[in-house]
C-alpha atoms as a PDB file:
ATOM      1  CA  UNK A   1      -1.380 -33.937   2.706  1.00  0.00           C
ATOM      2  CA  UNK A   2       0.584 -33.462   6.159  1.00  0.00           C
ATOM      3  CA  UNK A   3       1.725 -29.453   6.630  1.00  0.00           C
ATOM      4  CA  UNK A   4       5.609 -28.825   6.348  1.00  0.00           C
ATOM      5  CA  UNK A   5       7.181 -27.667   9.865  1.00  0.00           C
ATOM      6  CA  UNK A   6       8.377 -24.871   8.461  1.00  0.00           C
ATOM      7  CA  UNK A   7       4.591 -23.312   7.432  1.00  0.00           C
ATOM      8  CA  UNK A   8       4.171 -24.655  11.527  1.00  0.00           C
ATOM      9  CA  UNK A   9       6.881 -22.264  12.576  1.00  0.00           C
ATOM     10  CA  UNK A  10       5.861 -19.115  10.054  1.00  0.00           C
ATOM     11  CA  UNK A  11       2.501 -19.337  11.552  1.00  0.00           C
ATOM     12  CA  UNK A  12       3.497 -19.474  15.272  1.00  0.00           C
ATOM     13  CA  UNK A  13       5.943 -16.744  14.565  1.00  0.00           C
ATOM     14  CA  UNK A  14       3.396 -15.150  12.762  1.00  0.00           C
ATOM     15  CA  UNK A  15       0.752 -15.758  15.424  1.00  0.00           C
ATOM     16  CA  UNK A  16       3.245 -14.699  18.757  1.00  0.00           C
ATOM     17  CA  UNK A  17       4.078 -11.613  17.395  1.00  0.00           C
ATOM     18  CA  UNK A  18       0.476 -10.712  16.117  1.00  0.00           C
ATOM     19  CA  UNK A  19      -0.410 -11.651  19.966  1.00  0.00           C
ATOM     20  CA  UNK A  20       2.373  -9.018  21.292  1.00  0.00           C
ATOM     21  CA  UNK A  21       0.585  -6.219  19.385  1.00  0.00           C
ATOM     22  CA  UNK A  22      -2.781  -7.687  21.110  1.00  0.00           C
ATOM     23  CA  UNK A  23      -1.205  -7.465  23.948  1.00  0.00           C
ATOM     24  CA  UNK A  24       0.301  -4.193  23.133  1.00  0.00           C
ATOM     25  CA  UNK A  25      -3.559  -2.512  22.143  1.00  0.00           C
ATOM     26  CA  UNK A  26      -4.376  -2.953  25.791  1.00  0.00           C
ATOM     27  CA  UNK A  27      -1.860   0.235  27.074  1.00  0.00           C
ATOM     28  CA  UNK A  28       0.508  -2.356  28.506  1.00  0.00           C
ATOM     29  CA  UNK A  29       4.521  -1.850  27.518  1.00  0.00           C
ATOM     30  CA  UNK A  30       6.123  -4.526  28.425  1.00  0.00           C
ATOM     31  CA  UNK A  31       9.063  -5.277  28.197  1.00  0.00           C
ATOM     32  CA  UNK A  32       9.714  -1.448  27.595  1.00  0.00           C
ATOM     33  CA  UNK A  33       8.990   1.487  30.770  1.00  0.00           C
ATOM     34  CA  UNK A  34       7.114   3.534  28.394  1.00  0.00           C
ATOM     35  CA  UNK A  35       4.730   3.894  25.561  1.00  0.00           C
ATOM     36  CA  UNK A  36       7.352   5.901  24.207  1.00  0.00           C
ATOM     37  CA  UNK A  37      10.117   3.203  25.282  1.00  0.00           C
ATOM     38  CA  UNK A  38       8.849   0.509  23.129  1.00  0.00           C
ATOM     39  CA  UNK A  39       8.115   1.806  20.134  1.00  0.00           C
ATOM     40  CA  UNK A  40      11.920   3.010  20.164  1.00  0.00           C
ATOM     41  CA  UNK A  41      12.905  -0.160  20.925  1.00  0.00           C
ATOM     42  CA  UNK A  42      10.720  -1.810  18.006  1.00  0.00           C
ATOM     43  CA  UNK A  43      10.341   0.530  15.793  1.00  0.00           C
ATOM     44  CA  UNK A  44      13.656   3.166  16.312  1.00  0.00           C
ATOM     45  CA  UNK A  45      11.179   6.147  16.218  1.00  0.00           C
ATOM     46  CA  UNK A  46       8.059   7.205  18.018  1.00  0.00           C
ATOM     47  CA  UNK A  47       4.864   5.884  16.702  1.00  0.00           C
ATOM     48  CA  UNK A  48       1.890   5.741  18.979  1.00  0.00           C
ATOM     49  CA  UNK A  49       0.925   2.280  20.384  1.00  0.00           C
ATOM     50  CA  UNK A  50      -2.523   2.482  20.164  1.00  0.00           C
ATOM     51  CA  UNK A  51      -5.289  -0.225  19.124  1.00  0.00           C
ATOM     52  CA  UNK A  52      -6.137   2.093  15.811  1.00  0.00           C
ATOM     53  CA  UNK A  53      -2.549   1.209  14.669  1.00  0.00           C
ATOM     54  CA  UNK A  54      -1.655  -1.870  16.595  1.00  0.00           C
ATOM     55  CA  UNK A  55      -4.687  -3.983  15.729  1.00  0.00           C
ATOM     56  CA  UNK A  56      -5.266  -3.501  11.848  1.00  0.00           C
ATOM     57  CA  UNK A  57      -1.383  -4.785  12.243  1.00  0.00           C
ATOM     58  CA  UNK A  58      -1.786  -7.811  14.755  1.00  0.00           C
ATOM     59  CA  UNK A  59      -5.322  -8.838  12.029  1.00  0.00           C
ATOM     60  CA  UNK A  60      -2.637  -8.172   9.092  1.00  0.00           C
ATOM     61  CA  UNK A  61      -0.831 -11.249  11.292  1.00  0.00           C
ATOM     62  CA  UNK A  62      -2.516 -13.703  12.195  1.00  0.00           C
ATOM     63  CA  UNK A  63      -4.008 -13.496   8.670  1.00  0.00           C
ATOM     64  CA  UNK A  64      -0.311 -13.983   7.416  1.00  0.00           C
ATOM     65  CA  UNK A  65      -0.539 -17.077   9.719  1.00  0.00           C
ATOM     66  CA  UNK A  66      -4.034 -18.688   8.432  1.00  0.00           C
ATOM     67  CA  UNK A  67      -2.321 -18.367   4.786  1.00  0.00           C
ATOM     68  CA  UNK A  68       0.583 -19.969   5.438  1.00  0.00           C
ATOM     69  CA  UNK A  69      -1.451 -22.491   7.466  1.00  0.00           C
ATOM     70  CA  UNK A  70      -3.724 -23.237   4.610  1.00  0.00           C
ATOM     71  CA  UNK A  71      -1.265 -23.967   2.308  1.00  0.00           C
ATOM     72  CA  UNK A  72      -2.146 -21.067   0.282  1.00  0.00           C
ATOM     73  CA  UNK A  73       0.946 -21.007  -2.270  1.00  0.00           C
ATOM     74  CA  UNK A  74      -0.102 -17.475  -3.326  1.00  0.00           C
ATOM     75  CA  UNK A  75      -0.823 -16.183   0.407  1.00  0.00           C
ATOM     76  CA  UNK A  76       2.533 -18.209   1.161  1.00  0.00           C
ATOM     77  CA  UNK A  77       4.168 -16.335  -1.472  1.00  0.00           C
ATOM     78  CA  UNK A  78       2.819 -13.067  -0.126  1.00  0.00           C
ATOM     79  CA  UNK A  79       3.873 -13.276   3.036  1.00  0.00           C
ATOM     80  CA  UNK A  80       6.893 -14.058   2.052  1.00  0.00           C
ATOM     81  CA  UNK A  81       7.451 -11.072   0.085  1.00  0.00           C
ATOM     82  CA  UNK A  82       6.243  -9.220   3.193  1.00  0.00           C
ATOM     83  CA  UNK A  83       8.836 -10.721   5.165  1.00  0.00           C
ATOM     84  CA  UNK A  84      11.929  -9.924   1.932  1.00  0.00           C
ATOM     85  CA  UNK A  85      10.856  -5.970   2.304  1.00  0.00           C
ATOM     86  CA  UNK A  86      11.225  -6.645   6.395  1.00  0.00           C
ATOM     87  CA  UNK A  87      13.876  -8.111   5.629  1.00  0.00           C
ATOM     88  CA  UNK A  88      15.684  -5.347   3.335  1.00  0.00           C
ATOM     89  CA  UNK A  89      14.473  -2.967   5.488  1.00  0.00           C
ATOM     90  CA  UNK A  90      16.448  -4.040   8.878  1.00  0.00           C
ATOM     91  CA  UNK A  91      19.546  -4.086   6.272  1.00  0.00           C
ATOM     92  CA  UNK A  92      19.592  -0.298   5.544  1.00  0.00           C
ATOM     93  CA  UNK A  93      18.371   0.406   8.910  1.00  0.00           C
ATOM     94  CA  UNK A  94      22.091  -1.140   9.963  1.00  0.00           C
ATOM     95  CA  UNK A  95      23.779   1.967   7.818  1.00  0.00           C
ATOM     96  CA  UNK A  96      20.893   3.959   8.429  1.00  0.00           C
ATOM     97  CA  UNK A  97      20.548   3.753  12.598  1.00  0.00           C
ATOM     98  CA  UNK A  98      22.246   4.720  15.375  1.00  0.00           C
ATOM     99  CA  UNK A  99      24.618   1.919  17.157  1.00  0.00           C
ATOM    100  CA  UNK A 100      23.682   3.132  20.089  1.00  0.00           C
ATOM    101  CA  UNK A 101      19.795   2.386  20.199  1.00  0.00           C
ATOM    102  CA  UNK A 102      17.992  -0.052  21.351  1.00  0.00           C
ATOM    103  CA  UNK A 103      16.315  -0.780  18.529  1.00  0.00           C
ATOM    104  CA  UNK A 104      19.481  -1.171  16.160  1.00  0.00           C
ATOM    105  CA  UNK A 105      20.890  -3.925  18.268  1.00  0.00           C
ATOM    106  CA  UNK A 106      17.254  -6.036  18.320  1.00  0.00           C
ATOM    107  CA  UNK A 107      16.946  -5.292  14.809  1.00  0.00           C
ATOM    108  CA  UNK A 108      20.406  -6.511  14.225  1.00  0.00           C
ATOM    109  CA  UNK A 109      20.612  -9.570  16.524  1.00  0.00           C
ATOM    110  CA  UNK A 110      16.745 -10.485  15.476  1.00  0.00           C
ATOM    111  CA  UNK A 111      14.354  -8.929  14.036  1.00  0.00           C
ATOM    112  CA  UNK A 112      16.696  -8.917  10.535  1.00  0.00           C
ATOM    113  CA  UNK A 113      17.679 -12.448  10.468  1.00  0.00           C
ATOM    114  CA  UNK A 114      14.216 -13.975  12.183  1.00  0.00           C
ATOM    115  CA  UNK A 115      12.447 -12.261   9.034  1.00  0.00           C
ATOM    116  CA  UNK A 116      15.336 -13.427   6.629  1.00  0.00           C
ATOM    117  CA  UNK A 117      15.051 -17.336   8.004  1.00  0.00           C
ATOM    118  CA  UNK A 118      11.198 -16.743   7.907  1.00  0.00           C
ATOM    119  CA  UNK A 119      10.754 -15.618   4.404  1.00  0.00           C
ATOM    120  CA  UNK A 120      13.758 -17.766   3.378  1.00  0.00           C
ATOM    121  CA  UNK A 121      11.539 -20.822   4.882  1.00  0.00           C
ATOM    122  CA  UNK A 122       7.955 -19.849   3.602  1.00  0.00           C
ATOM    123  CA  UNK A 123       9.947 -19.525   0.205  1.00  0.00           C
ATOM    124  CA  UNK A 124      10.439 -23.360   0.819  1.00  0.00           C
ATOM    125  CA  UNK A 125       6.628 -23.902   1.994  1.00  0.00           C
ATOM    126  CA  UNK A 126       5.786 -21.876  -1.259  1.00  0.00           C
ATOM    127  CA  UNK A 127       7.563 -24.097  -3.166  1.00  0.00           C
ATOM    128  CA  UNK A 128       6.757 -27.433  -2.198  1.00  0.00           C
ATOM    129  CA  UNK A 129       2.944 -26.470  -2.285  1.00  0.00           C
ATOM    130  CA  UNK A 130       3.449 -25.868  -5.791  1.00  0.00           C
ATOM    131  CA  UNK A 131       5.179 -28.822  -6.347  1.00  0.00           C
ATOM    132  CA  UNK A 132       2.160 -30.998  -4.608  1.00  0.00           C
ATOM    133  CA  UNK A 133      -0.055 -28.552  -6.974  1.00  0.00           C
ATOM    134  CA  UNK A 134       1.239 -30.142  -9.902  1.00  0.00           C
ATOM    135  CA  UNK A 135       1.583 -33.934  -9.404  1.00  0.00           C
END
């Protein structure tokens, strides 16, 4: 069965995010000037961007990517659940965070919409996997 194009998109975004986390685990802070400014831009708080924090996140993202690509319905539903939680947190942060920060605008224009789109795509992929399984 050919892979659903949305599965490829989801896996590509999750893998790119994982690679970015692995890059930051090396001590690099691009596109920010410092670890603190990177933390505030990405998370809206001062959180350590260190290997013990970043490598497990990258591992989780790569695992999620692999589950979606493997056509695992349950795995894809778990990815959709995670993305829906991040979407809901992003909506909450739009009301809870200061509007004059990089995080606020990145959350508004990139993080939350991307998570919502990927969540919908994951649900669509999971439905297709279920339909194929039932046949």
